[in-house]
Protein backbone atom coordinates (compact mmCIF):
# COMPACT_ATOMS: atom_id res chain seq x y z
CA GLN A 1 129.43 96.10 107.65
CA VAL A 2 126.14 95.31 107.41
CA GLN A 3 123.46 96.03 104.94
CA LEU A 4 119.72 95.99 105.61
CA VAL A 5 116.85 95.06 102.52
CA GLU A 6 112.81 96.30 103.95
CA SER A 7 109.85 94.98 102.12
CA GLY A 8 105.90 94.59 102.12
CA GLY A 9 105.40 99.12 102.42
CA GLY A 10 102.49 99.60 100.27
CA TRP A 11 99.20 101.53 100.19
CA VAL A 12 95.82 99.59 102.15
CA GLN A 13 92.36 101.29 103.11
CA ALA A 14 92.10 101.80 107.54
CA GLY A 15 91.17 98.13 108.55
CA GLY A 16 94.10 96.32 107.05
CA SER A 17 96.90 94.57 107.40
CA LEU A 18 100.26 95.00 105.85
CA ARG A 19 103.70 92.53 106.69
CA LEU A 20 106.85 94.41 106.46
CA SER A 21 110.21 92.66 106.06
CA CYS A 22 113.56 93.56 106.96
CA ALA A 23 116.47 90.99 105.86
CA ALA A 24 120.20 91.86 107.39
CA SER A 25 122.55 90.13 105.18
CA GLY A 26 127.15 90.85 105.77
CA ARG A 27 129.81 89.61 107.11
CA ILE A 28 127.08 89.22 110.43
CA TYR A 29 128.76 87.59 113.59
CA SER A 30 125.83 88.41 115.97
CA ILE A 31 122.49 90.07 116.13
CA ASN A 32 121.20 91.36 119.13
CA ASP A 33 118.21 93.77 119.24
CA MET A 34 116.11 94.18 116.03
CA GLY A 35 113.34 96.45 115.82
CA TRP A 36 110.85 99.23 113.37
CA TYR A 37 110.66 102.65 113.57
CA ARG A 38 108.64 105.57 112.41
CA GLN A 39 109.01 108.82 111.16
CA THR A 40 106.74 111.40 110.11
CA PRO A 41 108.51 114.55 108.43
CA GLY A 42 109.24 116.96 111.02
CA LYS A 43 109.41 115.18 113.38
CA ARG A 44 111.22 112.29 115.69
CA ARG A 45 112.37 109.29 114.75
CA GLU A 46 109.83 106.70 117.01
CA LEU A 47 109.90 103.42 118.39
CA VAL A 48 106.99 101.38 116.56
CA ALA A 49 108.34 98.06 118.07
CA VAL A 50 111.70 95.45 119.24
CA ILE A 51 112.20 92.31 119.75
CA THR A 52 115.32 91.26 121.87
CA SER A 53 117.28 88.00 121.04
CA ARG A 54 116.12 86.13 123.18
CA GLY A 55 112.46 87.03 122.07
CA SER A 56 111.75 89.29 124.32
CA THR A 57 108.50 92.57 122.96
CA ASN A 58 107.79 95.83 123.69
CA TYR A 59 105.51 98.25 121.26
CA ALA A 60 104.69 101.89 121.21
CA ASP A 61 101.67 102.23 123.60
CA SER A 62 99.87 103.46 119.78
CA VAL A 63 100.09 100.25 118.19
CA LYS A 64 100.15 97.36 120.84
CA GLY A 65 97.20 94.79 119.88
CA ARG A 66 97.32 95.78 116.12
CA PHE A 67 101.23 95.02 115.16
CA THR A 68 103.18 91.97 116.21
CA ILE A 69 106.78 91.65 115.58
CA SER A 70 108.84 88.71 114.86
CA ARG A 71 112.06 87.60 113.65
CA ASP A 72 113.73 84.51 112.01
CA ASN A 73 116.95 84.11 113.01
CA ALA A 74 117.78 81.43 110.77
CA LYS A 75 117.34 84.30 107.98
CA ASN A 76 118.68 87.16 109.94
CA THR A 77 114.97 89.08 109.36
CA VAL A 78 112.48 90.55 111.15
CA TYR A 79 108.89 91.25 110.57
CA LEU A 80 106.63 93.56 111.40
CA GLN A 81 102.40 92.27 111.31
CA MET A 82 99.94 94.94 110.62
CA ASN A 83 96.65 94.80 111.17
CA SER A 84 93.65 96.95 112.10
CA LEU A 85 95.72 99.73 110.13
CA LYS A 86 94.52 103.62 110.96
CA PRO A 87 95.47 106.33 108.92
CA GLU A 88 97.44 107.73 112.12
CA ASP A 89 99.69 104.86 110.60
CA THR A 90 100.66 106.38 107.51
CA THR A 91 104.32 107.24 107.75
CA VAL A 92 107.71 105.86 106.49
CA TYR A 93 108.85 102.99 108.68
CA TYR A 94 112.65 102.06 109.51
CA CYS A 95 114.01 98.79 110.60
CA ASN A 96 116.83 98.77 113.00
CA VAL A 97 119.27 96.16 113.99
CA ARG A 98 121.70 96.02 116.61
CA ALA A 99 124.54 93.44 115.20
CA ALA A 100 128.46 92.37 115.32
CA SER A 101 130.15 92.36 112.40
CA GLY A 102 133.01 91.95 111.02
CA GLY A 103 135.66 93.38 113.34
CA SER A 104 133.27 95.55 115.09
CA TRP A 105 131.45 95.41 118.11
CA TYR A 106 127.44 96.32 118.22
CA GLN A 107 125.95 99.05 116.49
CA ASP A 108 123.04 99.75 114.87
CA TYR A 109 121.94 99.99 111.30
CA TRP A 110 118.93 101.12 109.60
CA GLY A 111 117.69 99.90 106.63
CA GLN A 112 116.59 102.56 103.88
CA GLY A 113 112.89 102.97 105.31
CA THR A 114 109.09 101.72 103.35
CA GLN A 115 106.34 104.16 102.90
CA VAL A 116 103.48 102.85 104.26
CA THR A 117 99.70 104.97 103.55
CA VAL A 118 96.64 103.95 105.20
CA SER A 119 93.61 105.47 103.46
CA SER A 120 90.17 106.25 105.36
């Protein structure tokens, strides 16, 4: 199995920055895509950013130019640098990793979620 541990959430004023981290551990054979999602209560979980194993990235329109996703394959860690934060970015952020683990083929794993609060 794969365990994901997120860190870096918190409170910041509008215009500020935060950096989220998500470290994967366990019997990992290979990691494919790594990404960040966010979900506000009562709404669907939405993609924020994703990065493939080759480093290709994709972003939600609402965060393009403000957020940057990156990964450190040696550490099985994905990062989300969030700049120019807005109050509407306030919600819980979830890490997602698609990994092959032990005797299992690729499947999605989720972090526990980290709260980001942006005050106006």
